[in-house]
Amino acid sequence: MANPSPDEVLAQLQVLVENQEITILKLSEPISAEVAQLQDHYQRTSDISNTSLDATTPASLEADLTHYRELFSKLRFSYVEQVTKEKFIRAIVGDPPLIVSPQENVDLEKQNLESKATLKALKTEVADMVTQLEAKAKDLSKKYEKVKLETVKLDELPAKISDLEETIAQLKKTQAVELNPNPELNLPLAKTTDLIEAKKRQRAELDRQLEQLQSQVPRKKKELERLHAEMQPLETKRQNSTAAAKEARRRKENALGGVEDDLEERGRWFRAAEAGLKQMLEIEG
């Protein structure tokens, strides 16, 4: 059997909600009808107005229940009192009069105690059943509210699904028109996941190498500072030698001014420079 579509499921839920909605007001309708019939039959007025039957709420039902318990308790007491008086009068005025022996009173008292014990047990059982029913009613009420909330969400789902489908179709059209030049961005989900894992491993390896290089930075800095300190005197000697050679050349050219003298001066300058460089670089020979 094929799975029903979301629209079919939503339609079925809507039918169930419309046909089988259970509320406190609907549950109270039979009780309200019976109470109205009793009031019409006995033609009595009470503290509960007719408007409370038309606009029933959980709080009003609780108040009605308490009120009618009190009425039924008073009615039962009046009924027992009236029946007792009637039996007593009939026993007195009867012909012959009803005479009750002490033993019959004892037996009746015993039977009365047994009936009271049975009634008390029944009342306890009824009270337990009422407690269980109240707990189950609260649980069902919570579940019903949850179902109503979920139904509202289900009502909103078709529109959201339609919007998502339109968005997916638009994205597919855009992807078909403008394919990304990077082939890695067009991979399926499984290959994309594998590529992400590979990139994560590569990044972890680069982080490890970077950490190793960072640990070598202080030692390299100290070595660089030492080389700079060693090169500073050599640089000073080179600059001094260059300046002295230029000054000697200038003086020689001013004193002689010939070509041969100039060549000789250049040779001397080159030899001096060579000697200075060998000294700076500590080269023998």
C-alpha atoms as a PDB file:
ATOM      1  CA  MET A   1       0.000   0.000   0.000  1.00  0.00           C
ATOM      2  CA  ALA A   2       1.446   3.380  -1.013  1.00  0.00           C
ATOM      3  CA  ASN A   3       2.196   5.944   1.684  1.00  0.00           C
ATOM      4  CA  PRO A   4      -0.389   8.788   1.795  1.00  0.00           C
ATOM      5  CA  SER A   5       0.699  12.227   0.687  1.00  0.00           C
ATOM      6  CA  PRO A   6       1.012  15.122   3.196  1.00  0.00           C
ATOM      7  CA  ASP A   7      -2.172  16.704   1.810  1.00  0.00           C
ATOM      8  CA  GLU A   8      -4.166  13.495   2.387  1.00  0.00           C
ATOM      9  CA  VAL A   9      -2.859  13.172   5.956  1.00  0.00           C
ATOM     10  CA  LEU A  10      -3.733  16.797   6.668  1.00  0.00           C
ATOM     11  CA  ALA A  11      -7.238  16.323   5.249  1.00  0.00           C
ATOM     12  CA  GLN A  12      -7.812  13.254   7.424  1.00  0.00           C
ATOM     13  CA  LEU A  13      -6.655  15.113  10.530  1.00  0.00           C
ATOM     14  CA  GLN A  14      -8.971  18.003   9.685  1.00  0.00           C
ATOM     15  CA  VAL A  15     -11.924  15.623   9.412  1.00  0.00           C
ATOM     16  CA  LEU A  16     -11.078  14.036  12.753  1.00  0.00           C
ATOM     17  CA  VAL A  17     -10.786  17.414  14.434  1.00  0.00           C
ATOM     18  CA  GLU A  18     -14.132  18.595  13.038  1.00  0.00           C
ATOM     19  CA  ASN A  19     -16.071  15.373  13.748  1.00  0.00           C
ATOM     20  CA  GLN A  20     -14.517  14.192  17.013  1.00  0.00           C
ATOM     21  CA  GLU A  21     -13.641  17.341  18.881  1.00  0.00           C
ATOM     22  CA  ILE A  22     -13.957  16.705  22.627  1.00  0.00           C
ATOM     23  CA  THR A  23     -14.202  19.659  24.960  1.00  0.00           C
ATOM     24  CA  ILE A  24     -15.371  20.310  28.499  1.00  0.00           C
ATOM     25  CA  LEU A  25     -18.365  22.172  27.125  1.00  0.00           C
ATOM     26  CA  LYS A  26     -19.529  19.242  24.982  1.00  0.00           C
ATOM     27  CA  LEU A  27     -18.971  16.758  27.803  1.00  0.00           C
ATOM     28  CA  SER A  28     -21.097  18.917  30.074  1.00  0.00           C
ATOM     29  CA  GLU A  29     -24.042  19.108  27.660  1.00  0.00           C
ATOM     30  CA  PRO A  30     -25.732  15.857  28.856  1.00  0.00           C
ATOM     31  CA  ILE A  31     -25.338  16.940  32.494  1.00  0.00           C
ATOM     32  CA  SER A  32     -26.729  20.385  31.742  1.00  0.00           C
ATOM     33  CA  ALA A  33     -29.686  18.846  29.911  1.00  0.00           C
ATOM     34  CA  GLU A  34     -30.466  16.519  32.835  1.00  0.00           C
ATOM     35  CA  VAL A  35     -30.214  19.404  35.307  1.00  0.00           C
ATOM     36  CA  ALA A  36     -32.548  21.497  33.178  1.00  0.00           C
ATOM     37  CA  GLN A  37     -35.074  18.632  33.062  1.00  0.00           C
ATOM     38  CA  LEU A  38     -34.910  18.215  36.825  1.00  0.00           C
ATOM     39  CA  GLN A  39     -35.451  21.911  37.323  1.00  0.00           C
ATOM     40  CA  ASP A  40     -38.479  21.862  34.992  1.00  0.00           C
ATOM     41  CA  HIS A  41     -39.872  18.788  36.732  1.00  0.00           C
ATOM     42  CA  TYR A  42     -39.593  20.051  40.302  1.00  0.00           C
ATOM     43  CA  GLN A  43     -40.063  23.721  39.340  1.00  0.00           C
ATOM     44  CA  ARG A  44     -37.406  24.816  41.808  1.00  0.00           C
ATOM     45  CA  THR A  45     -35.037  27.734  41.757  1.00  0.00           C
ATOM     46  CA  SER A  46     -31.477  27.598  42.984  1.00  0.00           C
ATOM     47  CA  ASP A  47     -28.408  29.809  43.199  1.00  0.00           C
ATOM     48  CA  ILE A  48     -27.286  28.667  39.762  1.00  0.00           C
ATOM     49  CA  SER A  49     -28.762  30.782  37.016  1.00  0.00           C
ATOM     50  CA  ASN A  50     -29.767  29.554  33.605  1.00  0.00           C
ATOM     51  CA  THR A  51     -26.969  31.591  32.047  1.00  0.00           C
ATOM     52  CA  SER A  52     -24.411  29.321  33.728  1.00  0.00           C
ATOM     53  CA  LEU A  53     -25.870  26.399  31.777  1.00  0.00           C
ATOM     54  CA  ASP A  54     -25.605  28.298  28.506  1.00  0.00           C
ATOM     55  CA  ALA A  55     -21.996  29.424  29.090  1.00  0.00           C
ATOM     56  CA  THR A  56     -20.409  26.474  30.880  1.00  0.00           C
ATOM     57  CA  THR A  57     -16.747  26.601  31.826  1.00  0.00           C
ATOM     58  CA  PRO A  58     -14.540  24.239  33.867  1.00  0.00           C
ATOM     59  CA  ALA A  59     -14.743  26.606  36.844  1.00  0.00           C
ATOM     60  CA  SER A  60     -18.543  26.826  36.637  1.00  0.00           C
ATOM     61  CA  LEU A  61     -18.773  23.029  36.356  1.00  0.00           C
ATOM     62  CA  GLU A  62     -16.742  22.673  39.548  1.00  0.00           C
ATOM     63  CA  ALA A  63     -19.022  25.151  41.324  1.00  0.00           C
ATOM     64  CA  ASP A  64     -22.122  23.374  39.987  1.00  0.00           C
ATOM     65  CA  LEU A  65     -20.789  20.031  41.191  1.00  0.00           C
ATOM     66  CA  THR A  66     -20.193  21.364  44.692  1.00  0.00           C
ATOM     67  CA  HIS A  67     -23.619  22.995  44.771  1.00  0.00           C
ATOM     68  CA  TYR A  68     -25.483  19.889  43.663  1.00  0.00           C
ATOM     69  CA  ARG A  69     -23.582  17.721  46.104  1.00  0.00           C
ATOM     70  CA  GLU A  70     -24.864  19.942  48.873  1.00  0.00           C
ATOM     71  CA  LEU A  71     -28.401  19.846  47.444  1.00  0.00           C
ATOM     72  CA  PHE A  72     -28.367  16.051  47.114  1.00  0.00           C
ATOM     73  CA  SER A  73     -27.019  15.723  50.659  1.00  0.00           C
ATOM     74  CA  LYS A  74     -29.865  17.853  51.990  1.00  0.00           C
ATOM     75  CA  LEU A  75     -32.371  16.007  49.817  1.00  0.00           C
ATOM     76  CA  ARG A  76     -31.174  12.635  51.083  1.00  0.00           C
ATOM     77  CA  PHE A  77     -31.421  13.785  54.703  1.00  0.00           C
ATOM     78  CA  SER A  78     -34.945  15.100  54.099  1.00  0.00           C
ATOM     79  CA  TYR A  79     -35.935  11.886  52.341  1.00  0.00           C
ATOM     80  CA  VAL A  80     -34.636   9.680  55.165  1.00  0.00           C
ATOM     81  CA  GLU A  81     -36.317  11.897  57.741  1.00  0.00           C
ATOM     82  CA  GLN A  82     -39.654  11.840  55.882  1.00  0.00           C
ATOM     83  CA  VAL A  83     -39.586   8.067  55.349  1.00  0.00           C
ATOM     84  CA  THR A  84     -38.716   7.475  59.004  1.00  0.00           C
ATOM     85  CA  LYS A  85     -41.560   9.678  60.196  1.00  0.00           C
ATOM     86  CA  GLU A  86     -43.969   7.967  57.835  1.00  0.00           C
ATOM     87  CA  LYS A  87     -42.960   4.497  59.009  1.00  0.00           C
ATOM     88  CA  PHE A  88     -43.193   5.575  62.648  1.00  0.00           C
ATOM     89  CA  ILE A  89     -46.656   7.044  62.225  1.00  0.00           C
ATOM     90  CA  ARG A  90     -47.916   3.992  60.330  1.00  0.00           C
ATOM     91  CA  ALA A  91     -46.502   1.738  63.053  1.00  0.00           C
ATOM     92  CA  ILE A  92     -48.374   3.699  65.718  1.00  0.00           C
ATOM     93  CA  VAL A  93     -51.722   4.086  64.015  1.00  0.00           C
ATOM     94  CA  GLY A  94     -51.736   0.652  62.410  1.00  0.00           C
ATOM     95  CA  ASP A  95     -54.212  -1.990  63.376  1.00  0.00           C
ATOM     96  CA  PRO A  96     -52.785  -3.894  65.053  1.00  0.00           C
ATOM     97  CA  PRO A  97     -49.874  -1.531  65.966  1.00  0.00           C
ATOM     98  CA  LEU A  98     -46.400  -2.650  64.999  1.00  0.00           C
ATOM     99  CA  ILE A  99     -44.426  -3.755  68.002  1.00  0.00           C
ATOM    100  CA  VAL A 100     -40.668  -4.164  67.651  1.00  0.00           C
ATOM    101  CA  SER A 101     -38.780  -6.363  70.098  1.00  0.00           C
ATOM    102  CA  PRO A 102     -35.332  -5.477  71.471  1.00  0.00           C
ATOM    103  CA  GLN A 103     -33.789  -8.367  69.531  1.00  0.00           C
ATOM    104  CA  GLU A 104     -35.134  -6.981  66.290  1.00  0.00           C
ATOM    105  CA  ASN A 105     -33.553  -3.630  67.150  1.00  0.00           C
ATOM    106  CA  VAL A 106     -30.242  -5.378  67.821  1.00  0.00           C
ATOM    107  CA  ASP A 107     -30.435  -7.252  64.517  1.00  0.00           C
ATOM    108  CA  LEU A 108     -31.398  -4.099  62.668  1.00  0.00           C
ATOM    109  CA  GLU A 109     -28.514  -2.195  64.284  1.00  0.00           C
ATOM    110  CA  LYS A 110     -26.114  -4.960  63.255  1.00  0.00           C
ATOM    111  CA  GLN A 111     -27.447  -4.930  59.706  1.00  0.00           C
ATOM    112  CA  ASN A 112     -27.173  -1.151  59.699  1.00  0.00           C
ATOM    113  CA  LEU A 113     -23.503  -1.296  60.757  1.00  0.00           C
ATOM    114  CA  GLU A 114     -22.748  -3.807  58.004  1.00  0.00           C
ATOM    115  CA  SER A 115     -24.486  -1.620  55.457  1.00  0.00           C
ATOM    116  CA  LYS A 116     -22.532   1.408  56.668  1.00  0.00           C
ATOM    117  CA  ALA A 117     -19.244  -0.475  56.343  1.00  0.00           C
ATOM    118  CA  THR A 118     -20.170  -1.610  52.817  1.00  0.00           C
ATOM    119  CA  LEU A 119     -21.222   1.928  51.906  1.00  0.00           C
ATOM    120  CA  LYS A 120     -17.980   3.358  53.289  1.00  0.00           C
ATOM    121  CA  ALA A 121     -15.932   0.864  51.236  1.00  0.00           C
ATOM    122  CA  LEU A 122     -17.931   1.756  48.141  1.00  0.00           C
ATOM    123  CA  LYS A 123     -17.404   5.473  48.797  1.00  0.00           C
ATOM    124  CA  THR A 124     -13.653   4.904  49.163  1.00  0.00           C
ATOM    125  CA  GLU A 125     -13.604   2.935  45.909  1.00  0.00           C
ATOM    126  CA  VAL A 126     -15.581   5.649  44.143  1.00  0.00           C
ATOM    127  CA  ALA A 127     -13.247   8.336  45.503  1.00  0.00           C
ATOM    128  CA  ASP A 128     -10.225   6.399  44.195  1.00  0.00           C
ATOM    129  CA  MET A 129     -11.905   5.997  40.827  1.00  0.00           C
ATOM    130  CA  VAL A 130     -12.674   9.715  40.716  1.00  0.00           C
ATOM    131  CA  THR A 131      -9.034  10.535  41.527  1.00  0.00           C
ATOM    132  CA  GLN A 132      -7.825   8.223  38.784  1.00  0.00           C
ATOM    133  CA  LEU A 133     -10.332   9.665  36.315  1.00  0.00           C
ATOM    134  CA  GLU A 134      -9.260  13.210  37.166  1.00  0.00           C
ATOM    135  CA  ALA A 135      -5.592  12.326  36.614  1.00  0.00           C
ATOM    136  CA  LYS A 136      -6.424  10.600  33.339  1.00  0.00           C
ATOM    137  CA  ALA A 137      -8.585  13.550  32.283  1.00  0.00           C
ATOM    138  CA  LYS A 138      -5.713  15.983  32.920  1.00  0.00           C
ATOM    139  CA  ASP A 139      -3.346  13.751  30.982  1.00  0.00           C
ATOM    140  CA  LEU A 140      -5.787  13.507  28.091  1.00  0.00           C
ATOM    141  CA  SER A 141      -6.305  17.266  28.173  1.00  0.00           C
ATOM    142  CA  LYS A 142      -2.553  17.855  27.847  1.00  0.00           C
ATOM    143  CA  LYS A 143      -2.343  15.362  24.995  1.00  0.00           C
ATOM    144  CA  TYR A 144      -5.319  16.994  23.306  1.00  0.00           C
ATOM    145  CA  GLU A 145      -3.725  20.447  23.546  1.00  0.00           C
ATOM    146  CA  LYS A 146      -0.519  18.999  22.135  1.00  0.00           C
ATOM    147  CA  VAL A 147      -2.426  17.421  19.254  1.00  0.00           C
ATOM    148  CA  LYS A 148      -4.149  20.753  18.546  1.00  0.00           C
ATOM    149  CA  LEU A 149      -0.775  22.514  18.480  1.00  0.00           C
ATOM    150  CA  GLU A 150       0.683  19.875  16.186  1.00  0.00           C
ATOM    151  CA  THR A 151      -2.376  20.184  13.967  1.00  0.00           C
ATOM    152  CA  VAL A 152      -1.782  23.916  13.623  1.00  0.00           C
ATOM    153  CA  LYS A 153       1.814  23.210  12.683  1.00  0.00           C
ATOM    154  CA  LEU A 154       0.644  20.628  10.149  1.00  0.00           C
ATOM    155  CA  ASP A 155      -1.687  23.218   8.645  1.00  0.00           C
ATOM    156  CA  GLU A 156       1.336  25.459   8.068  1.00  0.00           C
ATOM    157  CA  LEU A 157       3.520  22.696   6.613  1.00  0.00           C
ATOM    158  CA  PRO A 158       2.066  22.557   3.068  1.00  0.00           C
ATOM    159  CA  ALA A 159       2.783  26.259   2.476  1.00  0.00           C
ATOM    160  CA  LYS A 160       6.315  25.872   3.832  1.00  0.00           C
ATOM    161  CA  ILE A 161       6.902  22.756   1.739  1.00  0.00           C
ATOM    162  CA  SER A 162       5.656  24.592  -1.352  1.00  0.00           C
ATOM    163  CA  ASP A 163       8.012  27.506  -0.669  1.00  0.00           C
ATOM    164  CA  LEU A 164      10.942  25.139  -0.175  1.00  0.00           C
ATOM    165  CA  GLU A 165      10.147  23.286  -3.381  1.00  0.00           C
ATOM    166  CA  GLU A 166      10.055  26.574  -5.300  1.00  0.00           C
ATOM    167  CA  THR A 167      13.364  27.608  -3.751  1.00  0.00           C
ATOM    168  CA  ILE A 168      14.960  24.261  -4.680  1.00  0.00           C
ATOM    169  CA  ALA A 169      13.676  24.546  -8.253  1.00  0.00           C
ATOM    170  CA  GLN A 170      15.052  28.086  -8.524  1.00  0.00           C
ATOM    171  CA  LEU A 171      18.423  26.989  -7.160  1.00  0.00           C
ATOM    172  CA  LYS A 172      18.545  24.120  -9.659  1.00  0.00           C
ATOM    173  CA  LYS A 173      17.831  26.516 -12.518  1.00  0.00           C
ATOM    174  CA  THR A 174      20.518  28.899 -11.298  1.00  0.00           C
ATOM    175  CA  GLN A 175      23.011  26.073 -10.961  1.00  0.00           C
ATOM    176  CA  ALA A 176      22.194  24.822 -14.446  1.00  0.00           C
ATOM    177  CA  VAL A 177      22.689  28.282 -15.965  1.00  0.00           C
ATOM    178  CA  GLU A 178      25.778  29.309 -14.015  1.00  0.00           C
ATOM    179  CA  LEU A 179      27.898  26.340 -13.075  1.00  0.00           C
ATOM    180  CA  ASN A 180      30.643  27.135 -10.621  1.00  0.00           C
ATOM    181  CA  PRO A 181      34.100  26.967 -12.239  1.00  0.00           C
ATOM    182  CA  ASN A 182      35.449  25.232  -9.159  1.00  0.00           C
ATOM    183  CA  PRO A 183      34.685  21.510  -9.661  1.00  0.00           C
ATOM    184  CA  GLU A 184      34.906  20.856  -5.903  1.00  0.00           C
ATOM    185  CA  LEU A 185      31.763  22.950  -5.368  1.00  0.00           C
ATOM    186  CA  ASN A 186      29.747  20.726  -7.728  1.00  0.00           C
ATOM    187  CA  LEU A 187      30.491  17.432  -5.983  1.00  0.00           C
ATOM    188  CA  PRO A 188      27.710  15.244  -4.509  1.00  0.00           C
ATOM    189  CA  LEU A 189      27.183  15.032  -0.779  1.00  0.00           C
ATOM    190  CA  ALA A 190      29.296  11.895  -0.158  1.00  0.00           C
ATOM    191  CA  LYS A 191      32.322  13.193  -2.074  1.00  0.00           C
ATOM    192  CA  THR A 192      31.925  16.606  -0.481  1.00  0.00           C
ATOM    193  CA  THR A 193      32.021  14.995   2.955  1.00  0.00           C
ATOM    194  CA  ASP A 194      35.171  13.054   2.034  1.00  0.00           C
ATOM    195  CA  LEU A 195      36.758  16.248   0.693  1.00  0.00           C
ATOM    196  CA  ILE A 196      35.918  18.081   3.917  1.00  0.00           C
ATOM    197  CA  GLU A 197      37.530  15.321   5.977  1.00  0.00           C
ATOM    198  CA  ALA A 198      40.657  15.460   3.791  1.00  0.00           C
ATOM    199  CA  LYS A 199      40.838  19.248   4.168  1.00  0.00           C
ATOM    200  CA  LYS A 200      40.465  18.890   7.927  1.00  0.00           C
ATOM    201  CA  ARG A 201      43.362  16.410   8.056  1.00  0.00           C
ATOM    202  CA  GLN A 202      45.468  18.712   5.882  1.00  0.00           C
ATOM    203  CA  ARG A 203      44.701  21.654   8.114  1.00  0.00           C
ATOM    204  CA  ALA A 204      45.597  19.623  11.201  1.00  0.00           C
ATOM    205  CA  GLU A 205      48.963  18.744   9.605  1.00  0.00           C
ATOM    206  CA  LEU A 206      49.601  22.409   8.743  1.00  0.00           C
ATOM    207  CA  ASP A 207      48.702  23.420  12.297  1.00  0.00           C
ATOM    208  CA  ARG A 208      51.198  20.869  13.616  1.00  0.00           C
ATOM    209  CA  GLN A 209      53.974  22.154  11.327  1.00  0.00           C
ATOM    210  CA  LEU A 210      53.140  25.740  12.233  1.00  0.00           C
ATOM    211  CA  GLU A 211      53.355  24.882  15.914  1.00  0.00           C
ATOM    212  CA  GLN A 212      56.776  23.325  15.376  1.00  0.00           C
ATOM    213  CA  LEU A 213      58.003  26.381  13.459  1.00  0.00           C
ATOM    214  CA  GLN A 214      56.650  28.703  16.139  1.00  0.00           C
ATOM    215  CA  SER A 215      58.596  26.763  18.752  1.00  0.00           C
ATOM    216  CA  GLN A 216      61.783  27.416  16.711  1.00  0.00           C
ATOM    217  CA  VAL A 217      61.168  31.163  16.394  1.00  0.00           C
ATOM    218  CA  PRO A 218      62.875  32.220  19.659  1.00  0.00           C
ATOM    219  CA  ARG A 219      66.044  30.258  18.837  1.00  0.00           C
ATOM    220  CA  LYS A 220      66.143  31.664  15.297  1.00  0.00           C
ATOM    221  CA  LYS A 221      65.678  35.182  16.632  1.00  0.00           C
ATOM    222  CA  LYS A 222      68.610  34.782  19.001  1.00  0.00           C
ATOM    223  CA  GLU A 223      70.764  33.418  16.173  1.00  0.00           C
ATOM    224  CA  LEU A 224      69.788  36.347  13.934  1.00  0.00           C
ATOM    225  CA  GLU A 225      70.621  38.845  16.666  1.00  0.00           C
ATOM    226  CA  ARG A 226      74.035  37.199  17.098  1.00  0.00           C
ATOM    227  CA  LEU A 227      74.751  37.421  13.348  1.00  0.00           C
ATOM    228  CA  HIS A 228      73.722  41.072  13.302  1.00  0.00           C
ATOM    229  CA  ALA A 229      76.051  41.744  16.207  1.00  0.00           C
ATOM    230  CA  GLU A 230      78.917  40.003  14.399  1.00  0.00           C
ATOM    231  CA  MET A 231      78.262  41.818  11.112  1.00  0.00           C
ATOM    232  CA  GLN A 232      78.144  45.300  12.651  1.00  0.00           C
ATOM    233  CA  PRO A 233      81.946  45.648  13.137  1.00  0.00           C
ATOM    234  CA  LEU A 234      82.621  44.210   9.671  1.00  0.00           C
ATOM    235  CA  GLU A 235      80.202  46.676   8.117  1.00  0.00           C
ATOM    236  CA  THR A 236      81.924  49.521   9.938  1.00  0.00           C
ATOM    237  CA  LYS A 237      85.354  48.359   8.691  1.00  0.00           C
ATOM    238  CA  ARG A 238      84.036  48.094   5.126  1.00  0.00           C
ATOM    239  CA  GLN A 239      82.627  51.574   5.199  1.00  0.00           C
ATOM    240  CA  ASN A 240      85.850  52.970   6.655  1.00  0.00           C
ATOM    241  CA  SER A 241      87.979  51.161   4.048  1.00  0.00           C
ATOM    242  CA  THR A 242      85.773  52.365   1.216  1.00  0.00           C
ATOM    243  CA  ALA A 243      85.918  55.932   2.453  1.00  0.00           C
ATOM    244  CA  ALA A 244      89.750  55.785   2.885  1.00  0.00           C
ATOM    245  CA  ALA A 245      90.207  54.339  -0.606  1.00  0.00           C
ATOM    246  CA  LYS A 246      88.046  57.037  -2.145  1.00  0.00           C
ATOM    247  CA  GLU A 247      89.935  59.754  -0.301  1.00  0.00           C
ATOM    248  CA  ALA A 248      93.345  58.346  -1.335  1.00  0.00           C
ATOM    249  CA  ARG A 249      92.232  58.122  -4.936  1.00  0.00           C
ATOM    250  CA  ARG A 250      91.005  61.677  -4.901  1.00  0.00           C
ATOM    251  CA  ARG A 251      94.243  62.983  -3.438  1.00  0.00           C
ATOM    252  CA  LYS A 252      96.360  61.008  -5.906  1.00  0.00           C
ATOM    253  CA  GLU A 253      94.379  62.302  -8.873  1.00  0.00           C
ATOM    254  CA  ASN A 254      94.735  65.839  -7.644  1.00  0.00           C
ATOM    255  CA  ALA A 255      98.510  65.467  -7.142  1.00  0.00           C
ATOM    256  CA  LEU A 256      99.499  63.681 -10.393  1.00  0.00           C
ATOM    257  CA  GLY A 257      96.598  63.766 -12.857  1.00  0.00           C
ATOM    258  CA  GLY A 258      98.204  61.291 -15.496  1.00  0.00           C
ATOM    259  CA  VAL A 259      96.712  58.203 -17.080  1.00  0.00           C
ATOM    260  CA  GLU A 260      99.461  55.900 -15.904  1.00  0.00           C
ATOM    261  CA  ASP A 261      99.254  57.411 -12.500  1.00  0.00           C
ATOM    262  CA  ASP A 262      95.529  56.840 -12.582  1.00  0.00           C
ATOM    263  CA  LEU A 263      96.026  53.159 -13.483  1.00  0.00           C
ATOM    264  CA  GLU A 264      98.585  52.777 -10.769  1.00  0.00           C
ATOM    265  CA  GLU A 265      96.258  54.464  -8.319  1.00  0.00           C
ATOM    266  CA  ARG A 266      93.465  52.134  -9.342  1.00  0.00           C
ATOM    267  CA  GLY A 267      95.708  49.109  -8.879  1.00  0.00           C
ATOM    268  CA  ARG A 268      96.696  50.255  -5.426  1.00  0.00           C
ATOM    269  CA  TRP A 269      93.092  50.948  -4.583  1.00  0.00           C
ATOM    270  CA  PHE A 270      92.007  47.486  -5.754  1.00  0.00           C
ATOM    271  CA  ARG A 271      94.820  45.857  -3.767  1.00  0.00           C
ATOM    272  CA  ALA A 272      93.847  47.830  -0.682  1.00  0.00           C
ATOM    273  CA  ALA A 273      90.216  46.941  -1.155  1.00  0.00           C
ATOM    274  CA  GLU A 274      91.115  43.280  -1.656  1.00  0.00           C
ATOM    275  CA  ALA A 275      93.198  43.303   1.498  1.00  0.00           C
ATOM    276  CA  GLY A 276      90.373  44.994   3.416  1.00  0.00           C
ATOM    277  CA  LEU A 277      87.795  42.496   2.202  1.00  0.00           C
ATOM    278  CA  LYS A 278      90.060  39.566   3.038  1.00  0.00           C
ATOM    279  CA  GLN A 279      90.550  41.016   6.486  1.00  0.00           C
ATOM    280  CA  MET A 280      86.829  41.550   6.976  1.00  0.00           C
ATOM    281  CA  LEU A 281      85.938  38.095   5.709  1.00  0.00           C
ATOM    282  CA  GLU A 282      88.921  36.526   7.479  1.00  0.00           C
ATOM    283  CA  ILE A 283      90.219  34.911   4.268  1.00  0.00           C
ATOM    284  CA  GLU A 284      93.877  33.768   4.277  1.00  0.00           C
ATOM    285  CA  GLY A 285      96.273  34.073   1.299  1.00  0.00           C
END
